[in-house]
Amino acid sequence: MLVVRRVPPTPRKLRPMRNGVRNIISSPARMLVVSVLLLFIAGLCGPALVARLAADGGFLRYGWNSDLSRWNRITVNRGDQPLLHTDLLTSENGIKHKEMWINTGQSITFQGVTATEATQFVSLARVHPAWNAGAALGALMFRATVRAGGADAVVEVRVEGPREQAGEWQRLVVDLSRFAGEEVDIEIKPVSRSVGTWTLWRDPAIAVRP
């Protein structure tokens, strides 16, 4: 006589992770405990993180910066001259740069830039190498002005003389810490007695102060 025995199927084992999750959520009391712990951790870390970011905007801790050549709130004062070039791309020693072509009598203003304790405005400027090559340059000032709430901060670099000297890149830096927490307008322009001197402004940005 043939006897057939039915073997019950082997129960499937839950993966450890699923088993752990199931144990955690197995009761409302455990869910409550987990929620309270998460809220407690967030309460400890959240304010400190918010305060840190509010103090320096994340620039100091994370090394963030803002490329102002891509800023979407820019106003241009061009006087009676042709429109400025604000999207020039150059490469030097394998490094790409963004430049703006501004003539004397013109200016560019970056509006609504957030200032923090840890940041500064930086840019390089020089007389355009194709402008009146070989001629000596009369006194010219590269000027960066930060404005907020009726207060100004101005930095100027003066160049003049032979083009080999006057045509070198000059660095302009404006400390923004005094305007921390405010939105500022930053104007860049070349200033000279003569109108129409070509200048280039390279890599305008908000960066971390050293």
C-alpha atoms as a PDB file:
ATOM      1  CA  MET A   1       0.000   0.000   0.000  1.00  0.00           C
ATOM      2  CA  LEU A   2       1.405   3.399  -1.051  1.00  0.00           C
ATOM      3  CA  VAL A   3       1.418   6.060   1.662  1.00  0.00           C
ATOM      4  CA  VAL A   4       1.869   9.711   0.665  1.00  0.00           C
ATOM      5  CA  ARG A   5       3.026  12.074   3.359  1.00  0.00           C
ATOM      6  CA  ARG A   6       2.631  15.791   2.966  1.00  0.00           C
ATOM      7  CA  VAL A   7       5.578  17.764   4.222  1.00  0.00           C
ATOM      8  CA  PRO A   8       4.556  21.228   5.486  1.00  0.00           C
ATOM      9  CA  PRO A   9       6.381  24.081   3.667  1.00  0.00           C
ATOM     10  CA  THR A  10       9.348  25.574   5.442  1.00  0.00           C
ATOM     11  CA  PRO A  11       8.447  29.025   6.751  1.00  0.00           C
ATOM     12  CA  ARG A  12      10.307  31.860   5.033  1.00  0.00           C
ATOM     13  CA  LYS A  13      12.630  33.800   7.246  1.00  0.00           C
ATOM     14  CA  LEU A  14      12.405  37.553   7.228  1.00  0.00           C
ATOM     15  CA  ARG A  15      15.549  39.432   6.423  1.00  0.00           C
ATOM     16  CA  PRO A  16      17.215  40.899   9.495  1.00  0.00           C
ATOM     17  CA  MET A  17      16.431  44.453   8.422  1.00  0.00           C
ATOM     18  CA  ARG A  18      12.768  43.720   7.810  1.00  0.00           C
ATOM     19  CA  ASN A  19      12.605  41.775  11.037  1.00  0.00           C
ATOM     20  CA  GLY A  20      14.124  44.714  12.915  1.00  0.00           C
ATOM     21  CA  VAL A  21      11.694  47.183  11.363  1.00  0.00           C
ATOM     22  CA  ARG A  22       8.811  44.878  12.193  1.00  0.00           C
ATOM     23  CA  ASN A  23       9.950  44.656  15.806  1.00  0.00           C
ATOM     24  CA  ILE A  24      10.208  48.449  16.056  1.00  0.00           C
ATOM     25  CA  ILE A  25       6.750  49.085  14.677  1.00  0.00           C
ATOM     26  CA  SER A  26       5.172  46.110  16.364  1.00  0.00           C
ATOM     27  CA  SER A  27       3.553  48.288  18.978  1.00  0.00           C
ATOM     28  CA  PRO A  28       2.319  51.881  19.196  1.00  0.00           C
ATOM     29  CA  ALA A  29       4.411  52.383  22.330  1.00  0.00           C
ATOM     30  CA  ARG A  30       7.650  51.614  20.486  1.00  0.00           C
ATOM     31  CA  MET A  31       6.655  53.905  17.627  1.00  0.00           C
ATOM     32  CA  LEU A  32       6.072  56.687  20.148  1.00  0.00           C
ATOM     33  CA  VAL A  33       9.491  56.152  21.734  1.00  0.00           C
ATOM     34  CA  VAL A  34      11.249  56.236  18.341  1.00  0.00           C
ATOM     35  CA  SER A  35       9.400  59.423  17.334  1.00  0.00           C
ATOM     36  CA  VAL A  36      10.308  61.150  20.595  1.00  0.00           C
ATOM     37  CA  LEU A  37      13.977  60.208  20.154  1.00  0.00           C
ATOM     38  CA  LEU A  38      14.060  61.552  16.577  1.00  0.00           C
ATOM     39  CA  LEU A  39      12.437  64.809  17.674  1.00  0.00           C
ATOM     40  CA  PHE A  40      14.927  65.117  20.533  1.00  0.00           C
ATOM     41  CA  ILE A  41      17.912  64.659  18.178  1.00  0.00           C
ATOM     42  CA  ALA A  42      16.465  67.174  15.721  1.00  0.00           C
ATOM     43  CA  GLY A  43      15.901  69.618  18.575  1.00  0.00           C
ATOM     44  CA  LEU A  44      19.548  69.386  19.584  1.00  0.00           C
ATOM     45  CA  CYS A  45      21.133  69.548  16.114  1.00  0.00           C
ATOM     46  CA  GLY A  46      18.638  71.688  14.215  1.00  0.00           C
ATOM     47  CA  PRO A  47      19.134  75.059  15.966  1.00  0.00           C
ATOM     48  CA  ALA A  48      22.918  74.708  15.913  1.00  0.00           C
ATOM     49  CA  LEU A  49      22.904  73.997  12.177  1.00  0.00           C
ATOM     50  CA  VAL A  50      20.528  76.835  11.439  1.00  0.00           C
ATOM     51  CA  ALA A  51      22.600  79.235  13.531  1.00  0.00           C
ATOM     52  CA  ARG A  52      25.773  78.160  11.760  1.00  0.00           C
ATOM     53  CA  LEU A  53      24.329  78.692   8.303  1.00  0.00           C
ATOM     54  CA  ALA A  54      22.752  81.997   9.320  1.00  0.00           C
ATOM     55  CA  ALA A  55      26.103  83.268  10.601  1.00  0.00           C
ATOM     56  CA  ASP A  56      28.150  82.566   7.476  1.00  0.00           C
ATOM     57  CA  GLY A  57      25.658  81.347   4.874  1.00  0.00           C
ATOM     58  CA  GLY A  58      27.535  78.055   4.624  1.00  0.00           C
ATOM     59  CA  PHE A  59      30.529  79.783   3.017  1.00  0.00           C
ATOM     60  CA  LEU A  60      32.982  79.210   5.859  1.00  0.00           C
ATOM     61  CA  ARG A  61      32.046  75.651   6.726  1.00  0.00           C
ATOM     62  CA  TYR A  62      31.395  74.287   3.252  1.00  0.00           C
ATOM     63  CA  GLY A  63      33.470  76.575   1.044  1.00  0.00           C
ATOM     64  CA  TRP A  64      30.523  77.735  -1.030  1.00  0.00           C
ATOM     65  CA  ASN A  65      30.857  80.708  -3.353  1.00  0.00           C
ATOM     66  CA  SER A  66      28.659  82.641  -5.752  1.00  0.00           C
ATOM     67  CA  ASP A  67      29.670  83.229  -9.360  1.00  0.00           C
ATOM     68  CA  LEU A  68      28.286  86.718  -9.950  1.00  0.00           C
ATOM     69  CA  SER A  69      28.832  86.517 -13.706  1.00  0.00           C
ATOM     70  CA  ARG A  70      25.725  84.298 -13.631  1.00  0.00           C
ATOM     71  CA  TRP A  71      23.774  86.498 -11.224  1.00  0.00           C
ATOM     72  CA  ASN A  72      20.208  86.993 -12.469  1.00  0.00           C
ATOM     73  CA  ARG A  73      19.742  90.492 -11.025  1.00  0.00           C
ATOM     74  CA  ILE A  74      22.159  92.711 -12.930  1.00  0.00           C
ATOM     75  CA  THR A  75      21.663  96.301 -14.043  1.00  0.00           C
ATOM     76  CA  VAL A  76      23.885  97.980 -16.615  1.00  0.00           C
ATOM     77  CA  ASN A  77      24.718 101.652 -17.029  1.00  0.00           C
ATOM     78  CA  ARG A  78      26.228 102.028 -20.489  1.00  0.00           C
ATOM     79  CA  GLY A  79      25.795 105.741 -21.118  1.00  0.00           C
ATOM     80  CA  ASP A  80      25.764 106.492 -24.865  1.00  0.00           C
ATOM     81  CA  GLN A  81      28.092 103.610 -25.711  1.00  0.00           C
ATOM     82  CA  PRO A  82      27.368 100.185 -27.191  1.00  0.00           C
ATOM     83  CA  LEU A  83      26.048  97.450 -24.902  1.00  0.00           C
ATOM     84  CA  LEU A  84      28.636  95.842 -22.648  1.00  0.00           C
ATOM     85  CA  HIS A  85      29.788  92.257 -23.108  1.00  0.00           C
ATOM     86  CA  THR A  86      29.015  90.332 -19.905  1.00  0.00           C
ATOM     87  CA  ASP A  87      29.481  86.746 -21.098  1.00  0.00           C
ATOM     88  CA  LEU A  88      33.075  86.506 -22.317  1.00  0.00           C
ATOM     89  CA  LEU A  89      34.872  83.182 -21.759  1.00  0.00           C
ATOM     90  CA  THR A  90      38.660  82.869 -21.799  1.00  0.00           C
ATOM     91  CA  SER A  91      41.180  80.166 -20.961  1.00  0.00           C
ATOM     92  CA  GLU A  92      44.574  80.778 -19.408  1.00  0.00           C
ATOM     93  CA  ASN A  93      47.011  78.050 -18.363  1.00  0.00           C
ATOM     94  CA  GLY A  94      44.211  75.534 -18.677  1.00  0.00           C
ATOM     95  CA  ILE A  95      41.907  77.490 -16.345  1.00  0.00           C
ATOM     96  CA  LYS A  96      38.645  78.893 -17.678  1.00  0.00           C
ATOM     97  CA  HIS A  97      37.634  82.425 -16.715  1.00  0.00           C
ATOM     98  CA  LYS A  98      34.510  84.530 -17.120  1.00  0.00           C
ATOM     99  CA  GLU A  99      35.039  88.144 -18.042  1.00  0.00           C
ATOM    100  CA  MET A 100      33.005  91.312 -18.521  1.00  0.00           C
ATOM    101  CA  TRP A 101      34.013  94.046 -20.937  1.00  0.00           C
ATOM    102  CA  ILE A 102      33.269  97.482 -19.427  1.00  0.00           C
ATOM    103  CA  ASN A 103      34.316 100.834 -20.871  1.00  0.00           C
ATOM    104  CA  THR A 104      35.024 103.904 -18.763  1.00  0.00           C
ATOM    105  CA  GLY A 105      31.725 105.745 -18.400  1.00  0.00           C
ATOM    106  CA  GLN A 106      29.898 102.440 -17.900  1.00  0.00           C
ATOM    107  CA  SER A 107      29.149 100.233 -14.897  1.00  0.00           C
ATOM    108  CA  ILE A 108      27.553  96.954 -13.856  1.00  0.00           C
ATOM    109  CA  THR A 109      25.620  96.453 -10.602  1.00  0.00           C
ATOM    110  CA  PHE A 110      24.836  93.097  -8.994  1.00  0.00           C
ATOM    111  CA  GLN A 111      21.624  93.635  -7.008  1.00  0.00           C
ATOM    112  CA  GLY A 112      20.319  91.845  -3.929  1.00  0.00           C
ATOM    113  CA  VAL A 113      23.472  89.922  -3.022  1.00  0.00           C
ATOM    114  CA  THR A 114      23.327  88.442   0.496  1.00  0.00           C
ATOM    115  CA  ALA A 115      26.260  89.489   2.690  1.00  0.00           C
ATOM    116  CA  THR A 116      27.509  87.360   5.594  1.00  0.00           C
ATOM    117  CA  GLU A 117      30.171  87.614   8.272  1.00  0.00           C
ATOM    118  CA  ALA A 118      32.455  85.193   6.452  1.00  0.00           C
ATOM    119  CA  THR A 119      32.349  86.555   2.916  1.00  0.00           C
ATOM    120  CA  GLN A 120      33.936  89.075   0.616  1.00  0.00           C
ATOM    121  CA  PHE A 121      33.471  90.337  -2.921  1.00  0.00           C
ATOM    122  CA  VAL A 122      36.415  89.606  -5.212  1.00  0.00           C
ATOM    123  CA  SER A 123      37.241  90.376  -8.832  1.00  0.00           C
ATOM    124  CA  LEU A 124      40.196  91.030 -11.108  1.00  0.00           C
ATOM    125  CA  ALA A 125      40.348  93.965 -13.531  1.00  0.00           C
ATOM    126  CA  ARG A 126      42.701  95.261 -16.196  1.00  0.00           C
ATOM    127  CA  VAL A 127      42.849  97.472 -19.266  1.00  0.00           C
ATOM    128  CA  HIS A 128      41.842  95.467 -22.332  1.00  0.00           C
ATOM    129  CA  PRO A 129      45.034  94.341 -24.129  1.00  0.00           C
ATOM    130  CA  ALA A 130      43.556  95.352 -27.516  1.00  0.00           C
ATOM    131  CA  TRP A 131      42.824  98.923 -26.473  1.00  0.00           C
ATOM    132  CA  ASN A 132      45.233 101.491 -27.929  1.00  0.00           C
ATOM    133  CA  ALA A 133      48.148  99.074 -27.739  1.00  0.00           C
ATOM    134  CA  GLY A 134      51.539 100.686 -27.205  1.00  0.00           C
ATOM    135  CA  ALA A 135      50.185 103.930 -25.757  1.00  0.00           C
ATOM    136  CA  ALA A 136      50.788 105.111 -22.204  1.00  0.00           C
ATOM    137  CA  LEU A 137      47.670 105.122 -20.069  1.00  0.00           C
ATOM    138  CA  GLY A 138      46.403 108.138 -18.158  1.00  0.00           C
ATOM    139  CA  ALA A 139      45.249 107.691 -14.575  1.00  0.00           C
ATOM    140  CA  LEU A 140      42.419 105.153 -14.358  1.00  0.00           C
ATOM    141  CA  MET A 141      40.682 103.731 -11.281  1.00  0.00           C
ATOM    142  CA  PHE A 142      39.115 100.311 -11.000  1.00  0.00           C
ATOM    143  CA  ARG A 143      36.336 100.822  -8.446  1.00  0.00           C
ATOM    144  CA  ALA A 144      34.075  98.375  -6.578  1.00  0.00           C
ATOM    145  CA  THR A 145      31.317  99.828  -4.396  1.00  0.00           C
ATOM    146  CA  VAL A 146      29.062  97.927  -1.975  1.00  0.00           C
ATOM    147  CA  ARG A 147      25.841  99.689  -0.938  1.00  0.00           C
ATOM    148  CA  ALA A 148      23.247  98.765   1.697  1.00  0.00           C
ATOM    149  CA  GLY A 149      20.956 100.827   3.918  1.00  0.00           C
ATOM    150  CA  GLY A 150      22.635 104.134   3.113  1.00  0.00           C
ATOM    151  CA  ALA A 151      26.146 102.828   3.911  1.00  0.00           C
ATOM    152  CA  ASP A 152      28.884 102.337   1.327  1.00  0.00           C
ATOM    153  CA  ALA A 153      32.143 100.426   1.194  1.00  0.00           C
ATOM    154  CA  VAL A 154      34.465 101.406  -1.653  1.00  0.00           C
ATOM    155  CA  VAL A 155      37.684  99.840  -2.898  1.00  0.00           C
ATOM    156  CA  GLU A 156      39.777 101.411  -5.679  1.00  0.00           C
ATOM    157  CA  VAL A 157      42.919 100.384  -7.528  1.00  0.00           C
ATOM    158  CA  ARG A 158      44.738 103.053  -9.558  1.00  0.00           C
ATOM    159  CA  VAL A 159      46.714 102.246 -12.709  1.00  0.00           C
ATOM    160  CA  GLU A 160      48.563 104.440 -15.190  1.00  0.00           C
ATOM    161  CA  GLY A 161      51.684 104.653 -17.298  1.00  0.00           C
ATOM    162  CA  PRO A 162      53.151 102.112 -19.755  1.00  0.00           C
ATOM    163  CA  ARG A 163      50.732  99.467 -20.971  1.00  0.00           C
ATOM    164  CA  GLU A 164      52.964  96.634 -19.770  1.00  0.00           C
ATOM    165  CA  GLN A 165      52.249  97.785 -16.210  1.00  0.00           C
ATOM    166  CA  ALA A 166      48.765  99.241 -16.622  1.00  0.00           C
ATOM    167  CA  GLY A 167      47.579  96.159 -18.495  1.00  0.00           C
ATOM    168  CA  GLU A 168      48.301  93.703 -15.653  1.00  0.00           C
ATOM    169  CA  TRP A 169      45.445  92.121 -13.698  1.00  0.00           C
ATOM    170  CA  GLN A 170      44.577  94.039 -10.531  1.00  0.00           C
ATOM    171  CA  ARG A 171      42.761  92.396  -7.616  1.00  0.00           C
ATOM    172  CA  LEU A 172      39.821  94.126  -5.927  1.00  0.00           C
ATOM    173  CA  VAL A 173      38.468  92.815  -2.609  1.00  0.00           C
ATOM    174  CA  VAL A 174      35.621  94.205  -0.489  1.00  0.00           C
ATOM    175  CA  ASP A 175      34.973  92.750   2.989  1.00  0.00           C
ATOM    176  CA  LEU A 176      31.219  92.111   3.409  1.00  0.00           C
ATOM    177  CA  SER A 177      31.217  91.317   7.142  1.00  0.00           C
ATOM    178  CA  ARG A 178      29.969  94.805   8.114  1.00  0.00           C
ATOM    179  CA  PHE A 179      26.859  94.158   5.997  1.00  0.00           C
ATOM    180  CA  ALA A 180      26.197  90.677   7.446  1.00  0.00           C
ATOM    181  CA  GLY A 181      22.548  89.654   7.150  1.00  0.00           C
ATOM    182  CA  GLU A 182      21.735  92.355   4.588  1.00  0.00           C
ATOM    183  CA  GLU A 183      21.157  92.298   0.851  1.00  0.00           C
ATOM    184  CA  VAL A 184      23.683  94.566  -0.845  1.00  0.00           C
ATOM    185  CA  ASP A 185      24.202  96.046  -4.301  1.00  0.00           C
ATOM    186  CA  ILE A 186      27.721  95.731  -5.719  1.00  0.00           C
ATOM    187  CA  GLU A 187      28.763  98.105  -8.480  1.00  0.00           C
ATOM    188  CA  ILE A 188      31.922  97.672 -10.539  1.00  0.00           C
ATOM    189  CA  LYS A 189      33.215 100.313 -12.932  1.00  0.00           C
ATOM    190  CA  PRO A 190      36.367 101.857 -14.374  1.00  0.00           C
ATOM    191  CA  VAL A 191      36.732 105.587 -13.715  1.00  0.00           C
ATOM    192  CA  SER A 192      38.815 107.914 -15.857  1.00  0.00           C
ATOM    193  CA  ARG A 193      38.756 111.444 -17.293  1.00  0.00           C
ATOM    194  CA  SER A 194      38.460 109.931 -20.761  1.00  0.00           C
ATOM    195  CA  VAL A 195      35.408 107.976 -21.848  1.00  0.00           C
ATOM    196  CA  GLY A 196      35.684 104.755 -23.812  1.00  0.00           C
ATOM    197  CA  THR A 197      38.810 103.129 -22.375  1.00  0.00           C
ATOM    198  CA  TRP A 198      38.257  99.386 -22.645  1.00  0.00           C
ATOM    199  CA  THR A 199      38.624  97.307 -19.477  1.00  0.00           C
ATOM    200  CA  LEU A 200      38.022  93.690 -18.547  1.00  0.00           C
ATOM    201  CA  TRP A 201      36.675  92.401 -15.218  1.00  0.00           C
ATOM    202  CA  ARG A 202      37.386  88.759 -14.483  1.00  0.00           C
ATOM    203  CA  ASP A 203      35.596  86.201 -12.268  1.00  0.00           C
ATOM    204  CA  PRO A 204      33.452  88.500 -10.064  1.00  0.00           C
ATOM    205  CA  ALA A 205      32.319  86.404  -7.106  1.00  0.00           C
ATOM    206  CA  ILE A 206      31.319  86.178  -3.462  1.00  0.00           C
ATOM    207  CA  ALA A 207      33.890  84.049  -1.674  1.00  0.00           C
ATOM    208  CA  VAL A 208      35.084  83.071   1.794  1.00  0.00           C
ATOM    209  CA  ARG A 209      37.289  85.595   3.610  1.00  0.00           C
ATOM    210  CA  PRO A 210      40.751  84.240   4.515  1.00  0.00           C
END
